[in-house]
Amino acid sequence: MNELESAVWFKSSRSNGQAECVEVAFLADVVATRDTKDRDRATLVFAPQQWQAFVTSAAQGHFDDM
């Protein structure tokens, strides 16, 4: 079985149950992301260090003007 098939997916508690979110799964060696509107499409994966850098940058407001 593919590791993504058995992944436990999480989405933000701020999503209010909407289906327009990004879900995240923390796997053995990567962090996977997918779009809740189209879960069968390609999943993006990141090294844990890359994911942490993204989360830190977002928390610091680096993407607020996008």
N, C-alpha and C. Protein backbone atom coordinates (compact mmCIF):
# COMPACT_ATOMS: atom_id res chain seq x y z
N MET A 1 0.84 -1.19 0.00
CA MET A 1 0.00 0.00 0.00
C MET A 1 0.88 1.25 0.00
N ASN A 2 0.52 2.19 -0.79
CA ASN A 2 1.18 3.48 -0.88
C ASN A 2 1.02 4.24 0.44
N GLU A 3 2.09 4.88 0.90
CA GLU A 3 2.03 5.63 2.16
C GLU A 3 0.97 6.74 2.13
N LEU A 4 0.76 7.36 0.96
CA LEU A 4 -0.25 8.41 0.85
C LEU A 4 -1.67 7.86 1.00
N GLU A 5 -1.89 6.61 0.59
CA GLU A 5 -3.22 6.01 0.70
C GLU A 5 -3.64 5.80 2.15
N SER A 6 -2.68 5.59 3.03
CA SER A 6 -2.99 5.37 4.44
C SER A 6 -2.71 6.60 5.30
N ALA A 7 -2.40 7.72 4.67
CA ALA A 7 -2.06 8.94 5.41
C ALA A 7 -3.25 9.47 6.19
N VAL A 8 -2.96 10.08 7.31
CA VAL A 8 -3.96 10.78 8.10
C VAL A 8 -3.84 12.26 7.74
N TRP A 9 -4.90 12.81 7.15
CA TRP A 9 -4.89 14.18 6.65
C TRP A 9 -5.51 15.14 7.65
N PHE A 10 -4.94 16.34 7.76
CA PHE A 10 -5.42 17.38 8.65
C PHE A 10 -5.68 18.64 7.85
N LYS A 11 -6.66 19.43 8.29
CA LYS A 11 -6.83 20.77 7.72
C LYS A 11 -7.03 21.75 8.85
N SER A 12 -6.89 22.99 8.56
CA SER A 12 -6.96 24.03 9.58
C SER A 12 -8.30 24.02 10.29
N SER A 13 -8.26 24.26 11.58
CA SER A 13 -9.50 24.38 12.35
C SER A 13 -10.27 25.63 11.94
N ARG A 14 -9.62 26.52 11.23
CA ARG A 14 -10.27 27.74 10.74
C ARG A 14 -10.99 27.54 9.43
N SER A 15 -11.01 26.33 8.92
CA SER A 15 -11.64 26.06 7.62
C SER A 15 -13.16 26.07 7.71
N ASN A 16 -13.72 26.00 8.91
CA ASN A 16 -15.17 26.02 9.12
C ASN A 16 -15.90 24.95 8.33
N GLY A 17 -15.26 23.81 8.12
CA GLY A 17 -15.91 22.71 7.41
C GLY A 17 -16.02 22.90 5.91
N GLN A 18 -15.44 23.95 5.38
CA GLN A 18 -15.49 24.21 3.95
C GLN A 18 -14.59 23.22 3.20
N ALA A 19 -14.89 23.02 1.94
CA ALA A 19 -14.10 22.10 1.11
C ALA A 19 -13.13 22.86 0.23
N GLU A 20 -12.73 24.02 0.65
CA GLU A 20 -11.78 24.82 -0.13
C GLU A 20 -10.54 25.09 0.71
N CYS A 21 -9.87 24.02 1.08
CA CYS A 21 -8.74 24.11 1.99
C CYS A 21 -7.58 23.28 1.46
N VAL A 22 -6.48 23.44 2.12
CA VAL A 22 -5.32 22.58 1.89
C VAL A 22 -5.23 21.64 3.07
N GLU A 23 -5.05 20.37 2.79
CA GLU A 23 -4.87 19.38 3.84
C GLU A 23 -3.40 18.99 3.90
N VAL A 24 -2.95 18.60 5.08
CA VAL A 24 -1.55 18.25 5.31
C VAL A 24 -1.49 16.88 5.97
N ALA A 25 -0.53 16.07 5.55
CA ALA A 25 -0.27 14.78 6.19
C ALA A 25 1.22 14.71 6.52
N PHE A 26 1.51 14.35 7.75
CA PHE A 26 2.90 14.21 8.19
C PHE A 26 3.28 12.74 8.09
N LEU A 27 4.11 12.44 7.08
CA LEU A 27 4.51 11.06 6.80
C LEU A 27 5.91 10.80 7.35
N ALA A 28 6.43 9.62 7.13
CA ALA A 28 7.73 9.22 7.71
C ALA A 28 8.85 10.21 7.35
N ASP A 29 8.99 10.53 6.07
CA ASP A 29 10.12 11.36 5.64
C ASP A 29 9.72 12.66 4.96
N VAL A 30 8.43 12.88 4.77
CA VAL A 30 7.96 14.07 4.06
C VAL A 30 6.69 14.61 4.69
N VAL A 31 6.36 15.83 4.30
CA VAL A 31 5.07 16.43 4.63
C VAL A 31 4.33 16.55 3.30
N ALA A 32 3.16 15.95 3.22
CA ALA A 32 2.37 15.96 1.99
C ALA A 32 1.23 16.96 2.11
N THR A 33 0.88 17.59 1.00
CA THR A 33 -0.24 18.52 0.96
C THR A 33 -1.15 18.16 -0.21
N ARG A 34 -2.44 18.50 -0.06
CA ARG A 34 -3.39 18.28 -1.16
C ARG A 34 -4.54 19.26 -1.03
N ASP A 35 -5.26 19.44 -2.11
CA ASP A 35 -6.41 20.33 -2.18
C ASP A 35 -7.66 19.54 -1.85
N THR A 36 -8.47 20.01 -0.91
CA THR A 36 -9.67 19.27 -0.51
C THR A 36 -10.72 19.22 -1.62
N LYS A 37 -10.68 20.15 -2.57
CA LYS A 37 -11.66 20.15 -3.66
C LYS A 37 -11.38 19.04 -4.67
N ASP A 38 -10.14 18.58 -4.73
CA ASP A 38 -9.78 17.57 -5.73
C ASP A 38 -8.72 16.66 -5.15
N ARG A 39 -9.13 15.80 -4.26
CA ARG A 39 -8.20 14.94 -3.53
C ARG A 39 -7.51 13.89 -4.40
N ASP A 40 -8.01 13.67 -5.60
CA ASP A 40 -7.41 12.67 -6.48
C ASP A 40 -6.28 13.24 -7.33
N ARG A 41 -6.12 14.54 -7.31
CA ARG A 41 -5.05 15.16 -8.10
C ARG A 41 -3.71 14.95 -7.42
N ALA A 42 -2.68 15.39 -8.09
CA ALA A 42 -1.32 15.24 -7.57
C ALA A 42 -1.18 15.88 -6.20
N THR A 43 -0.41 15.24 -5.36
CA THR A 43 -0.11 15.73 -4.03
C THR A 43 1.30 16.31 -4.05
N LEU A 44 1.46 17.45 -3.41
CA LEU A 44 2.79 18.05 -3.29
C LEU A 44 3.43 17.56 -2.00
N VAL A 45 4.71 17.21 -2.07
CA VAL A 45 5.42 16.76 -0.88
C VAL A 45 6.64 17.64 -0.64
N PHE A 46 6.95 17.82 0.61
CA PHE A 46 8.06 18.67 1.03
C PHE A 46 8.88 17.96 2.08
N ALA A 47 10.17 18.26 2.10
CA ALA A 47 11.01 17.79 3.20
C ALA A 47 10.54 18.51 4.46
N PRO A 48 10.64 17.87 5.62
CA PRO A 48 10.19 18.51 6.85
C PRO A 48 10.81 19.90 7.08
N GLN A 49 12.07 20.06 6.71
CA GLN A 49 12.73 21.36 6.87
C GLN A 49 12.10 22.42 5.97
N GLN A 50 11.74 22.03 4.76
CA GLN A 50 11.08 22.96 3.84
C GLN A 50 9.72 23.37 4.38
N TRP A 51 8.97 22.41 4.90
CA TRP A 51 7.65 22.71 5.45
C TRP A 51 7.77 23.66 6.63
N GLN A 52 8.72 23.41 7.52
CA GLN A 52 8.91 24.26 8.69
C GLN A 52 9.29 25.68 8.26
N ALA A 53 10.12 25.80 7.24
CA ALA A 53 10.50 27.13 6.74
C ALA A 53 9.28 27.86 6.20
N PHE A 54 8.41 27.16 5.50
CA PHE A 54 7.18 27.76 4.98
C PHE A 54 6.27 28.22 6.13
N VAL A 55 6.04 27.34 7.10
CA VAL A 55 5.16 27.68 8.23
C VAL A 55 5.71 28.87 9.00
N THR A 56 7.01 28.90 9.23
CA THR A 56 7.64 30.02 9.94
C THR A 56 7.47 31.31 9.16
N SER A 57 7.71 31.27 7.86
CA SER A 57 7.57 32.47 7.02
C SER A 57 6.13 32.97 7.01
N ALA A 58 5.18 32.04 6.93
CA ALA A 58 3.77 32.44 6.94
C ALA A 58 3.40 33.09 8.28
N ALA A 59 3.87 32.52 9.37
CA ALA A 59 3.59 33.07 10.69
C ALA A 59 4.20 34.46 10.86
N GLN A 60 5.29 34.71 10.19
CA GLN A 60 5.95 36.01 10.27
C GLN A 60 5.36 37.03 9.30
N GLY A 61 4.35 36.62 8.54
CA GLY A 61 3.66 37.54 7.64
C GLY A 61 4.32 37.75 6.29
N HIS A 62 5.25 36.91 5.92
CA HIS A 62 5.96 37.08 4.65
C HIS A 62 5.08 36.95 3.42
N PHE A 63 3.92 36.34 3.54
CA PHE A 63 3.03 36.13 2.40
C PHE A 63 1.76 36.98 2.46
N ASP A 64 1.70 37.89 3.40
CA ASP A 64 0.48 38.67 3.62
C ASP A 64 0.13 39.57 2.44
N ASP A 65 1.08 39.98 1.64
CA ASP A 65 0.81 40.89 0.53
C ASP A 65 0.53 40.15 -0.78
N MET A 66 0.45 38.85 -0.73
CA MET A 66 0.24 38.08 -1.96
C MET A 66 -1.23 38.03 -2.33
